[in-house]
Amino acid sequence: MNLKLKQTRRRKPDWLKIKLPQSSKYANVQKTISDHKLNTICTSGKCPNLGECWDRGTATLMILGDICTRACKFCAVKTGKPDAPDKNEAKKIARSVEILKLKHCVLTSVDRDDLPDKGATAWSETIIEIKKKNPNTTIETLIPDFDANAELIQKVIDAKPEVISHNLETVKRLTPEIRSRAKYNTSLEVIKYISDSGVISKSGIMVGLGETFDEVVELMDDLRAVNCKVFTIGQYLQPTPQHAEVIEYVHPDIFERWRVIGLEKGFTHIESSPLVRSSYHAEKHVK
């Protein structure tokens, strides 16, 4: 048997074991997503917190379809040629937020390098529509890099979400191996532009891909240099044998050390533990 395949099948440690709740809230979110034919990163990204978040009545909605134009080696989202954007998607999303009675909504999207505006207009329209129909709902947006095009990033900013997040995903050394097309310094440019606009800026990474402890600390310094306020760190979990392999299951104590160091460096909020994903406990980050 292939050595890499054997490594990916090794037993996960106890701290990565999760249970799937089946409460009425969980069922309601599941039904709404199905009835409205919505895409969520919870399912497309095989998020380990799907059960917990849906049980709390929250979900991260994914716009612009479920097919990405990039093929990052960590991501479970389908890649290929996407369909044309749904012209009614913004209204569908806004209505679903209303049905679910979300106090805080998280939006993300696939990369749409096939579109002239890379999806920025759809982002703007969706945020505006949600706020129009749900004026008391706060919004976090987890955006692509838009190739660091300031005009496109500004479209999202002008729609006035409370938090704008863009993930570095991994440390600088591993970026060329793990991410598709995206560049470490380009992502920092995006985060700086967001920070300079006055909106709460946020980023996140996965660990267990072969990075060192100190490389994560150096990445924190890079984020604080562009005034990133909120930071998330979680364990990478290999979606399929075709994706990048897990090099290490990082112990929870290490995550806690990173959390303390990050707060000392000036982040206002840090989520750092094995099952954390970028939208985990996102409602707390608005404050």
C-alpha atoms as a PDB file:
ATOM      1  CA  MET A   1       0.000   0.000   0.000  1.00  0.00           C
ATOM      2  CA  ASN A   2       1.148   3.514  -0.774  1.00  0.00           C
ATOM      3  CA  LEU A   3       2.863   5.073   2.285  1.00  0.00           C
ATOM      4  CA  LYS A   4       1.065   8.417   1.932  1.00  0.00           C
ATOM      5  CA  LEU A   5      -2.299   6.666   1.764  1.00  0.00           C
ATOM      6  CA  LYS A   6      -1.454   4.691   4.907  1.00  0.00           C
ATOM      7  CA  GLN A   7      -0.581   7.943   6.690  1.00  0.00           C
ATOM      8  CA  THR A   8      -3.892   9.568   5.767  1.00  0.00           C
ATOM      9  CA  ARG A   9      -5.757   6.583   7.246  1.00  0.00           C
ATOM     10  CA  ARG A  10      -4.022   6.607  10.599  1.00  0.00           C
ATOM     11  CA  ARG A  11      -6.274   6.924  13.591  1.00  0.00           C
ATOM     12  CA  LYS A  12      -7.254  10.430  14.618  1.00  0.00           C
ATOM     13  CA  PRO A  13      -6.538  11.436  18.217  1.00  0.00           C
ATOM     14  CA  ASP A  14      -9.380  11.650  20.729  1.00  0.00           C
ATOM     15  CA  TRP A  15      -9.482  15.458  20.599  1.00  0.00           C
ATOM     16  CA  LEU A  16     -10.648  15.325  16.965  1.00  0.00           C
ATOM     17  CA  LYS A  17     -13.645  13.089  17.576  1.00  0.00           C
ATOM     18  CA  ILE A  18     -16.997  14.801  17.078  1.00  0.00           C
ATOM     19  CA  LYS A  19     -20.670  13.909  17.433  1.00  0.00           C
ATOM     20  CA  LEU A  20     -23.404  14.983  15.055  1.00  0.00           C
ATOM     21  CA  PRO A  21     -26.360  16.567  16.898  1.00  0.00           C
ATOM     22  CA  GLN A  22     -29.867  15.957  15.599  1.00  0.00           C
ATOM     23  CA  SER A  23     -31.903  18.630  17.404  1.00  0.00           C
ATOM     24  CA  SER A  24     -34.854  20.539  15.977  1.00  0.00           C
ATOM     25  CA  LYS A  25     -32.611  23.535  15.234  1.00  0.00           C
ATOM     26  CA  TYR A  26     -30.214  21.340  13.290  1.00  0.00           C
ATOM     27  CA  ALA A  27     -33.103  19.866  11.302  1.00  0.00           C
ATOM     28  CA  ASN A  28     -34.565  23.320  10.596  1.00  0.00           C
ATOM     29  CA  VAL A  29     -31.291  24.645   9.164  1.00  0.00           C
ATOM     30  CA  GLN A  30     -30.869  21.482   7.091  1.00  0.00           C
ATOM     31  CA  LYS A  31     -34.424  21.776   5.703  1.00  0.00           C
ATOM     32  CA  THR A  32     -34.093  25.481   4.858  1.00  0.00           C
ATOM     33  CA  ILE A  33     -30.809  24.924   3.022  1.00  0.00           C
ATOM     34  CA  SER A  34     -32.355  22.047   1.078  1.00  0.00           C
ATOM     35  CA  ASP A  35     -35.657  23.793   0.298  1.00  0.00           C
ATOM     36  CA  HIS A  36     -33.914  26.905  -1.039  1.00  0.00           C
ATOM     37  CA  LYS A  37     -31.206  24.956  -2.856  1.00  0.00           C
ATOM     38  CA  LEU A  38     -28.496  26.906  -1.052  1.00  0.00           C
ATOM     39  CA  ASN A  39     -24.801  26.110  -1.034  1.00  0.00           C
ATOM     40  CA  THR A  40     -22.921  26.097   2.254  1.00  0.00           C
ATOM     41  CA  ILE A  41     -19.237  25.750   2.994  1.00  0.00           C
ATOM     42  CA  CYS A  42     -20.385  23.577   5.909  1.00  0.00           C
ATOM     43  CA  THR A  43     -21.192  20.764   3.481  1.00  0.00           C
ATOM     44  CA  SER A  44     -18.994  21.612   0.479  1.00  0.00           C
ATOM     45  CA  GLY A  45     -15.951  22.072   2.711  1.00  0.00           C
ATOM     46  CA  LYS A  46     -16.785  19.055   4.914  1.00  0.00           C
ATOM     47  CA  CYS A  47     -16.550  21.213   8.047  1.00  0.00           C
ATOM     48  CA  PRO A  48     -16.127  19.218  11.294  1.00  0.00           C
ATOM     49  CA  ASN A  49     -18.274  21.776  13.159  1.00  0.00           C
ATOM     50  CA  LEU A  50     -21.308  21.362  10.903  1.00  0.00           C
ATOM     51  CA  GLY A  51     -23.292  19.589  13.601  1.00  0.00           C
ATOM     52  CA  GLU A  52     -22.489  22.061  16.376  1.00  0.00           C
ATOM     53  CA  CYS A  53     -23.138  25.153  14.260  1.00  0.00           C
ATOM     54  CA  TRP A  54     -26.370  23.906  12.699  1.00  0.00           C
ATOM     55  CA  ASP A  55     -27.537  22.850  16.142  1.00  0.00           C
ATOM     56  CA  ARG A  56     -27.015  26.494  17.220  1.00  0.00           C
ATOM     57  CA  GLY A  57     -29.086  27.610  14.213  1.00  0.00           C
ATOM     58  CA  THR A  58     -26.161  29.073  12.270  1.00  0.00           C
ATOM     59  CA  ALA A  59     -24.565  28.252   8.927  1.00  0.00           C
ATOM     60  CA  THR A  60     -21.999  29.733   6.563  1.00  0.00           C
ATOM     61  CA  LEU A  61     -23.737  30.379   3.257  1.00  0.00           C
ATOM     62  CA  MET A  62     -21.716  30.077   0.057  1.00  0.00           C
ATOM     63  CA  ILE A  63     -22.613  32.256  -2.922  1.00  0.00           C
ATOM     64  CA  LEU A  64     -21.739  32.085  -6.638  1.00  0.00           C
ATOM     65  CA  GLY A  65     -22.268  28.341  -6.922  1.00  0.00           C
ATOM     66  CA  ASP A  66     -20.376  25.347  -5.597  1.00  0.00           C
ATOM     67  CA  ILE A  67     -17.701  24.969  -8.280  1.00  0.00           C
ATOM     68  CA  CYS A  68     -14.422  26.835  -7.791  1.00  0.00           C
ATOM     69  CA  THR A  69     -12.064  27.979 -10.546  1.00  0.00           C
ATOM     70  CA  ARG A  70      -9.070  27.164  -8.361  1.00  0.00           C
ATOM     71  CA  ALA A  71      -7.851  23.811  -7.085  1.00  0.00           C
ATOM     72  CA  CYS A  72      -6.162  24.281  -3.718  1.00  0.00           C
ATOM     73  CA  LYS A  73      -4.710  21.074  -2.308  1.00  0.00           C
ATOM     74  CA  PHE A  74      -6.447  21.424   1.064  1.00  0.00           C
ATOM     75  CA  CYS A  75      -9.987  22.221  -0.087  1.00  0.00           C
ATOM     76  CA  ALA A  76     -12.889  19.815  -0.576  1.00  0.00           C
ATOM     77  CA  VAL A  77     -14.939  22.230  -2.721  1.00  0.00           C
ATOM     78  CA  LYS A  78     -15.409  21.043  -6.306  1.00  0.00           C
ATOM     79  CA  THR A  79     -13.220  22.618  -8.968  1.00  0.00           C
ATOM     80  CA  GLY A  80     -13.908  23.115 -12.667  1.00  0.00           C
ATOM     81  CA  LYS A  81     -15.975  25.350 -14.934  1.00  0.00           C
ATOM     82  CA  PRO A  82     -18.713  27.037 -12.873  1.00  0.00           C
ATOM     83  CA  ASP A  83     -22.260  27.716 -14.006  1.00  0.00           C
ATOM     84  CA  ALA A  84     -23.421  31.257 -14.660  1.00  0.00           C
ATOM     85  CA  PRO A  85     -24.295  33.115 -11.435  1.00  0.00           C
ATOM     86  CA  ASP A  86     -27.900  32.840 -10.238  1.00  0.00           C
ATOM     87  CA  LYS A  87     -29.500  36.260 -10.764  1.00  0.00           C
ATOM     88  CA  ASN A  88     -31.950  35.587  -7.931  1.00  0.00           C
ATOM     89  CA  GLU A  89     -29.355  34.346  -5.463  1.00  0.00           C
ATOM     90  CA  ALA A  90     -29.153  37.538  -3.379  1.00  0.00           C
ATOM     91  CA  LYS A  91     -32.916  37.505  -2.715  1.00  0.00           C
ATOM     92  CA  LYS A  92     -32.844  33.768  -1.912  1.00  0.00           C
ATOM     93  CA  ILE A  93     -30.031  34.244   0.571  1.00  0.00           C
ATOM     94  CA  ALA A  94     -31.728  37.219   2.220  1.00  0.00           C
ATOM     95  CA  ARG A  95     -34.989  35.295   2.550  1.00  0.00           C
ATOM     96  CA  SER A  96     -33.191  32.298   4.048  1.00  0.00           C
ATOM     97  CA  VAL A  97     -31.457  34.510   6.623  1.00  0.00           C
ATOM     98  CA  GLU A  98     -34.907  35.799   7.559  1.00  0.00           C
ATOM     99  CA  ILE A  99     -36.398  32.292   7.858  1.00  0.00           C
ATOM    100  CA  LEU A 100     -33.493  31.087   9.970  1.00  0.00           C
ATOM    101  CA  LYS A 101     -33.745  34.229  12.133  1.00  0.00           C
ATOM    102  CA  LEU A 102     -29.995  34.678  12.038  1.00  0.00           C
ATOM    103  CA  LYS A 103     -28.593  37.397  14.278  1.00  0.00           C
ATOM    104  CA  HIS A 104     -25.239  36.981  12.559  1.00  0.00           C
ATOM    105  CA  CYS A 105     -24.713  35.730   9.020  1.00  0.00           C
ATOM    106  CA  VAL A 106     -21.457  34.453   7.535  1.00  0.00           C
ATOM    107  CA  LEU A 107     -21.027  34.549   3.762  1.00  0.00           C
ATOM    108  CA  THR A 108     -18.292  32.981   1.691  1.00  0.00           C
ATOM    109  CA  SER A 109     -17.873  32.037  -1.956  1.00  0.00           C
ATOM    110  CA  VAL A 110     -15.932  29.964  -4.401  1.00  0.00           C
ATOM    111  CA  ASP A 111     -13.276  31.752  -6.453  1.00  0.00           C
ATOM    112  CA  ARG A 112     -14.757  33.027  -9.721  1.00  0.00           C
ATOM    113  CA  ASP A 113     -11.728  33.925 -11.823  1.00  0.00           C
ATOM    114  CA  ASP A 114     -13.934  33.264 -14.859  1.00  0.00           C
ATOM    115  CA  LEU A 115     -16.004  36.423 -14.254  1.00  0.00           C
ATOM    116  CA  PRO A 116     -14.807  39.910 -15.292  1.00  0.00           C
ATOM    117  CA  ASP A 117     -15.408  41.225 -11.753  1.00  0.00           C
ATOM    118  CA  LYS A 118     -14.477  37.882 -10.099  1.00  0.00           C
ATOM    119  CA  GLY A 119     -17.873  37.885  -8.400  1.00  0.00           C
ATOM    120  CA  ALA A 120     -17.524  41.204  -6.549  1.00  0.00           C
ATOM    121  CA  THR A 121     -20.865  42.545  -7.801  1.00  0.00           C
ATOM    122  CA  ALA A 122     -22.699  39.453  -6.564  1.00  0.00           C
ATOM    123  CA  TRP A 123     -20.978  39.867  -3.204  1.00  0.00           C
ATOM    124  CA  SER A 124     -22.136  43.478  -2.947  1.00  0.00           C
ATOM    125  CA  GLU A 125     -25.702  42.719  -4.022  1.00  0.00           C
ATOM    126  CA  THR A 126     -26.034  39.844  -1.565  1.00  0.00           C
ATOM    127  CA  ILE A 127     -24.821  41.846   1.434  1.00  0.00           C
ATOM    128  CA  ILE A 128     -27.089  44.777   0.560  1.00  0.00           C
ATOM    129  CA  GLU A 129     -30.109  42.489   0.078  1.00  0.00           C
ATOM    130  CA  ILE A 130     -29.533  40.723   3.401  1.00  0.00           C
ATOM    131  CA  LYS A 131     -29.303  44.030   5.256  1.00  0.00           C
ATOM    132  CA  LYS A 132     -32.404  45.381   3.512  1.00  0.00           C
ATOM    133  CA  LYS A 133     -34.506  42.399   4.533  1.00  0.00           C
ATOM    134  CA  ASN A 134     -32.760  41.777   7.871  1.00  0.00           C
ATOM    135  CA  PRO A 135     -31.651  45.191   9.214  1.00  0.00           C
ATOM    136  CA  ASN A 136     -30.668  43.814  12.627  1.00  0.00           C
ATOM    137  CA  THR A 137     -28.496  40.994  11.262  1.00  0.00           C
ATOM    138  CA  THR A 138     -24.734  41.500  11.342  1.00  0.00           C
ATOM    139  CA  ILE A 139     -22.618  40.057   8.545  1.00  0.00           C
ATOM    140  CA  GLU A 140     -19.172  38.562   8.198  1.00  0.00           C
ATOM    141  CA  THR A 141     -17.791  38.020   4.705  1.00  0.00           C
ATOM    142  CA  LEU A 142     -15.030  35.520   3.955  1.00  0.00           C
ATOM    143  CA  ILE A 143     -13.852  36.780   0.582  1.00  0.00           C
ATOM    144  CA  PRO A 144     -11.487  35.520  -2.141  1.00  0.00           C
ATOM    145  CA  ASP A 145      -8.397  37.588  -2.939  1.00  0.00           C
ATOM    146  CA  PHE A 146      -9.897  39.176  -6.123  1.00  0.00           C
ATOM    147  CA  ASP A 147      -6.234  39.207  -7.245  1.00  0.00           C
ATOM    148  CA  ALA A 148      -5.838  42.149  -4.810  1.00  0.00           C
ATOM    149  CA  ASN A 149      -7.844  44.413  -7.146  1.00  0.00           C
ATOM    150  CA  ALA A 150      -8.676  47.392  -4.903  1.00  0.00           C
ATOM    151  CA  GLU A 151     -11.776  48.345  -6.907  1.00  0.00           C
ATOM    152  CA  LEU A 152     -13.290  44.899  -6.420  1.00  0.00           C
ATOM    153  CA  ILE A 153     -12.445  44.724  -2.703  1.00  0.00           C
ATOM    154  CA  GLN A 154     -13.974  48.183  -2.287  1.00  0.00           C
ATOM    155  CA  LYS A 155     -17.290  46.894  -3.664  1.00  0.00           C
ATOM    156  CA  VAL A 156     -17.517  44.531  -0.711  1.00  0.00           C
ATOM    157  CA  ILE A 157     -16.436  47.224   1.756  1.00  0.00           C
ATOM    158  CA  ASP A 158     -19.018  49.678   0.410  1.00  0.00           C
ATOM    159  CA  ALA A 159     -21.796  47.159   1.081  1.00  0.00           C
ATOM    160  CA  LYS A 160     -20.887  47.576   4.781  1.00  0.00           C
ATOM    161  CA  PRO A 161     -20.469  44.103   6.300  1.00  0.00           C
ATOM    162  CA  GLU A 162     -19.330  44.264   9.916  1.00  0.00           C
ATOM    163  CA  VAL A 163     -16.358  41.912   9.429  1.00  0.00           C
ATOM    164  CA  ILE A 164     -14.342  41.107   6.297  1.00  0.00           C
ATOM    165  CA  SER A 165     -12.170  38.022   6.419  1.00  0.00           C
ATOM    166  CA  HIS A 166      -9.610  36.679   3.980  1.00  0.00           C
ATOM    167  CA  ASN A 167      -7.643  33.563   4.868  1.00  0.00           C
ATOM    168  CA  LEU A 168      -3.905  33.120   4.513  1.00  0.00           C
ATOM    169  CA  GLU A 169      -4.631  29.368   4.872  1.00  0.00           C
ATOM    170  CA  THR A 170      -1.000  28.362   5.605  1.00  0.00           C
ATOM    171  CA  VAL A 171       2.457  29.761   6.342  1.00  0.00           C
ATOM    172  CA  LYS A 172       4.501  31.550   3.698  1.00  0.00           C
ATOM    173  CA  ARG A 173       6.857  28.647   2.932  1.00  0.00           C
ATOM    174  CA  LEU A 174       4.008  26.214   2.218  1.00  0.00           C
ATOM    175  CA  THR A 175       1.759  28.579   0.263  1.00  0.00           C
ATOM    176  CA  PRO A 176       3.068  27.636  -3.223  1.00  0.00           C
ATOM    177  CA  GLU A 177       2.528  23.948  -2.449  1.00  0.00           C
ATOM    178  CA  ILE A 178      -0.899  24.199  -0.843  1.00  0.00           C
ATOM    179  CA  ARG A 179      -2.750  27.091  -2.502  1.00  0.00           C
ATOM    180  CA  SER A 180      -3.723  27.404  -6.155  1.00  0.00           C
ATOM    181  CA  ARG A 181      -2.868  30.752  -7.794  1.00  0.00           C
ATOM    182  CA  ALA A 182      -3.141  32.598  -4.484  1.00  0.00           C
ATOM    183  CA  LYS A 183       0.043  34.182  -3.148  1.00  0.00           C
ATOM    184  CA  TYR A 184       0.974  34.914   0.458  1.00  0.00           C
ATOM    185  CA  ASN A 185       1.896  38.563  -0.113  1.00  0.00           C
ATOM    186  CA  THR A 186      -1.187  39.131  -2.269  1.00  0.00           C
ATOM    187  CA  SER A 187      -3.370  37.953   0.595  1.00  0.00           C
ATOM    188  CA  LEU A 188      -1.566  40.309   2.974  1.00  0.00           C
ATOM    189  CA  GLU A 189      -2.266  43.170   0.538  1.00  0.00           C
ATOM    190  CA  VAL A 190      -5.974  42.291   0.630  1.00  0.00           C
ATOM    191  CA  ILE A 191      -6.039  42.214   4.431  1.00  0.00           C
ATOM    192  CA  LYS A 192      -4.172  45.532   4.641  1.00  0.00           C
ATOM    193  CA  TYR A 193      -6.680  47.180   2.304  1.00  0.00           C
ATOM    194  CA  ILE A 194      -9.525  45.913   4.479  1.00  0.00           C
ATOM    195  CA  SER A 195      -7.824  47.098   7.685  1.00  0.00           C
ATOM    196  CA  ASP A 196      -7.079  50.529   6.228  1.00  0.00           C
ATOM    197  CA  SER A 197     -10.763  50.914   5.348  1.00  0.00           C
ATOM    198  CA  GLY A 198     -11.721  50.748   9.025  1.00  0.00           C
ATOM    199  CA  VAL A 199     -13.655  47.468   8.771  1.00  0.00           C
ATOM    200  CA  ILE A 200     -12.763  44.672  11.219  1.00  0.00           C
ATOM    201  CA  SER A 201     -10.240  42.497   9.360  1.00  0.00           C
ATOM    202  CA  LYS A 202      -9.853  38.790   9.990  1.00  0.00           C
ATOM    203  CA  SER A 203      -7.783  35.874   8.718  1.00  0.00           C
ATOM    204  CA  GLY A 204      -7.270  32.194   9.415  1.00  0.00           C
ATOM    205  CA  ILE A 205      -4.935  29.272   8.814  1.00  0.00           C
ATOM    206  CA  MET A 206      -4.813  25.478   9.068  1.00  0.00           C
ATOM    207  CA  VAL A 207      -1.949  23.677  10.767  1.00  0.00           C
ATOM    208  CA  GLY A 208      -0.651  20.142  10.482  1.00  0.00           C
ATOM    209  CA  LEU A 209       0.642  20.622   6.938  1.00  0.00           C
ATOM    210  CA  GLY A 210       4.310  20.618   7.893  1.00  0.00           C
ATOM    211  CA  GLU A 211       4.729  24.147   9.268  1.00  0.00           C
ATOM    212  CA  THR A 212       6.840  24.830  12.349  1.00  0.00           C
ATOM    213  CA  PHE A 213       5.707  26.480  15.578  1.00  0.00           C
ATOM    214  CA  ASP A 214       7.837  29.543  14.843  1.00  0.00           C
ATOM    215  CA  GLU A 215       6.491  29.879  11.291  1.00  0.00           C
ATOM    216  CA  VAL A 216       2.998  30.297  12.734  1.00  0.00           C
ATOM    217  CA  VAL A 217       4.319  32.969  15.101  1.00  0.00           C
ATOM    218  CA  GLU A 218       5.999  34.753  12.172  1.00  0.00           C
ATOM    219  CA  LEU A 219       2.723  34.630  10.257  1.00  0.00           C
ATOM    220  CA  MET A 220       1.019  36.325  13.215  1.00  0.00           C
ATOM    221  CA  ASP A 221       3.596  39.113  12.998  1.00  0.00           C
ATOM    222  CA  ASP A 222       2.839  39.524   9.284  1.00  0.00           C
ATOM    223  CA  LEU A 223      -0.886  39.798  10.024  1.00  0.00           C
ATOM    224  CA  ARG A 224      -0.410  42.291  12.840  1.00  0.00           C
ATOM    225  CA  ALA A 225       1.822  44.366  10.526  1.00  0.00           C
ATOM    226  CA  VAL A 226      -1.253  44.898   8.310  1.00  0.00           C
ATOM    227  CA  ASN A 227      -3.449  45.487  11.396  1.00  0.00           C
ATOM    228  CA  CYS A 228      -5.436  42.258  11.177  1.00  0.00           C
ATOM    229  CA  LYS A 229      -7.683  42.147  14.254  1.00  0.00           C
ATOM    230  CA  VAL A 230      -9.131  38.616  14.406  1.00  0.00           C
ATOM    231  CA  PHE A 231      -7.292  35.348  13.797  1.00  0.00           C
ATOM    232  CA  THR A 232      -8.328  31.678  13.685  1.00  0.00           C
ATOM    233  CA  ILE A 233      -6.145  28.551  13.818  1.00  0.00           C
ATOM    234  CA  GLY A 234      -7.472  25.030  13.243  1.00  0.00           C
ATOM    235  CA  GLN A 235      -6.249  21.553  12.422  1.00  0.00           C
ATOM    236  CA  TYR A 236      -6.100  20.597   8.745  1.00  0.00           C
ATOM    237  CA  LEU A 237      -8.098  17.431   7.998  1.00  0.00           C
ATOM    238  CA  GLN A 238      -7.479  15.716   4.675  1.00  0.00           C
ATOM    239  CA  PRO A 239     -10.781  15.606   2.706  1.00  0.00           C
ATOM    240  CA  THR A 240      -9.756  12.794   0.321  1.00  0.00           C
ATOM    241  CA  PRO A 241      -6.596  10.771  -0.495  1.00  0.00           C
ATOM    242  CA  GLN A 242      -6.073  13.119  -3.467  1.00  0.00           C
ATOM    243  CA  HIS A 243      -5.623  16.154  -1.215  1.00  0.00           C
ATOM    244  CA  ALA A 244      -2.517  17.194   0.708  1.00  0.00           C
ATOM    245  CA  GLU A 245      -1.730  14.727   3.478  1.00  0.00           C
ATOM    246  CA  VAL A 246      -1.843  15.506   7.176  1.00  0.00           C
ATOM    247  CA  ILE A 247       1.747  15.713   8.415  1.00  0.00           C
ATOM    248  CA  GLU A 248       0.846  16.154  12.082  1.00  0.00           C
ATOM    249  CA  TYR A 249      -2.157  16.199  14.402  1.00  0.00           C
ATOM    250  CA  VAL A 250      -1.232  19.192  16.525  1.00  0.00           C
ATOM    251  CA  HIS A 251      -1.909  18.817  20.261  1.00  0.00           C
ATOM    252  CA  PRO A 252      -4.462  21.179  21.851  1.00  0.00           C
ATOM    253  CA  ASP A 253      -1.767  22.523  24.200  1.00  0.00           C
ATOM    254  CA  ILE A 254       0.111  23.928  21.193  1.00  0.00           C
ATOM    255  CA  PHE A 255      -3.035  25.656  19.954  1.00  0.00           C
ATOM    256  CA  GLU A 256      -3.408  27.258  23.375  1.00  0.00           C
ATOM    257  CA  ARG A 257       0.194  28.485  23.284  1.00  0.00           C
ATOM    258  CA  TRP A 258      -0.459  30.127  19.906  1.00  0.00           C
ATOM    259  CA  ARG A 259      -3.660  31.698  21.271  1.00  0.00           C
ATOM    260  CA  VAL A 260      -1.827  33.305  24.184  1.00  0.00           C
ATOM    261  CA  ILE A 261       1.025  34.526  21.967  1.00  0.00           C
ATOM    262  CA  GLY A 262      -1.456  36.009  19.492  1.00  0.00           C
ATOM    263  CA  LEU A 263      -3.325  37.942  22.152  1.00  0.00           C
ATOM    264  CA  GLU A 264      -0.016  39.273  23.443  1.00  0.00           C
ATOM    265  CA  LYS A 265       0.758  40.476  19.918  1.00  0.00           C
ATOM    266  CA  GLY A 266      -2.429  42.524  19.837  1.00  0.00           C
ATOM    267  CA  PHE A 267      -5.136  40.487  18.120  1.00  0.00           C
ATOM    268  CA  THR A 268      -8.484  41.426  19.619  1.00  0.00           C
ATOM    269  CA  HIS A 269      -9.871  37.911  19.294  1.00  0.00           C
ATOM    270  CA  ILE A 270      -8.357  34.497  18.552  1.00  0.00           C
ATOM    271  CA  GLU A 271     -10.009  31.125  18.047  1.00  0.00           C
ATOM    272  CA  SER A 272      -7.306  28.464  18.303  1.00  0.00           C
ATOM    273  CA  SER A 273      -8.066  24.776  18.764  1.00  0.00           C
ATOM    274  CA  PRO A 274      -8.086  21.645  16.597  1.00  0.00           C
ATOM    275  CA  LEU A 275     -11.682  21.844  15.336  1.00  0.00           C
ATOM    276  CA  VAL A 276     -11.711  25.595  14.755  1.00  0.00           C
ATOM    277  CA  ARG A 277     -12.594  26.796  11.258  1.00  0.00           C
ATOM    278  CA  SER A 278     -12.604  30.386  10.028  1.00  0.00           C
ATOM    279  CA  SER A 279     -16.300  30.985  10.738  1.00  0.00           C
ATOM    280  CA  TYR A 280     -16.330  29.186  14.107  1.00  0.00           C
ATOM    281  CA  HIS A 281     -17.983  31.381  16.784  1.00  0.00           C
ATOM    282  CA  ALA A 282     -17.983  34.187  14.195  1.00  0.00           C
ATOM    283  CA  GLU A 283     -20.767  36.023  16.032  1.00  0.00           C
ATOM    284  CA  LYS A 284     -18.221  36.882  18.754  1.00  0.00           C
ATOM    285  CA  HIS A 285     -15.846  38.576  16.323  1.00  0.00           C
ATOM    286  CA  VAL A 286     -18.171  41.488  15.520  1.00  0.00           C
ATOM    287  CA  LYS A 287     -17.468  42.859  18.995  1.00  0.00           C
END
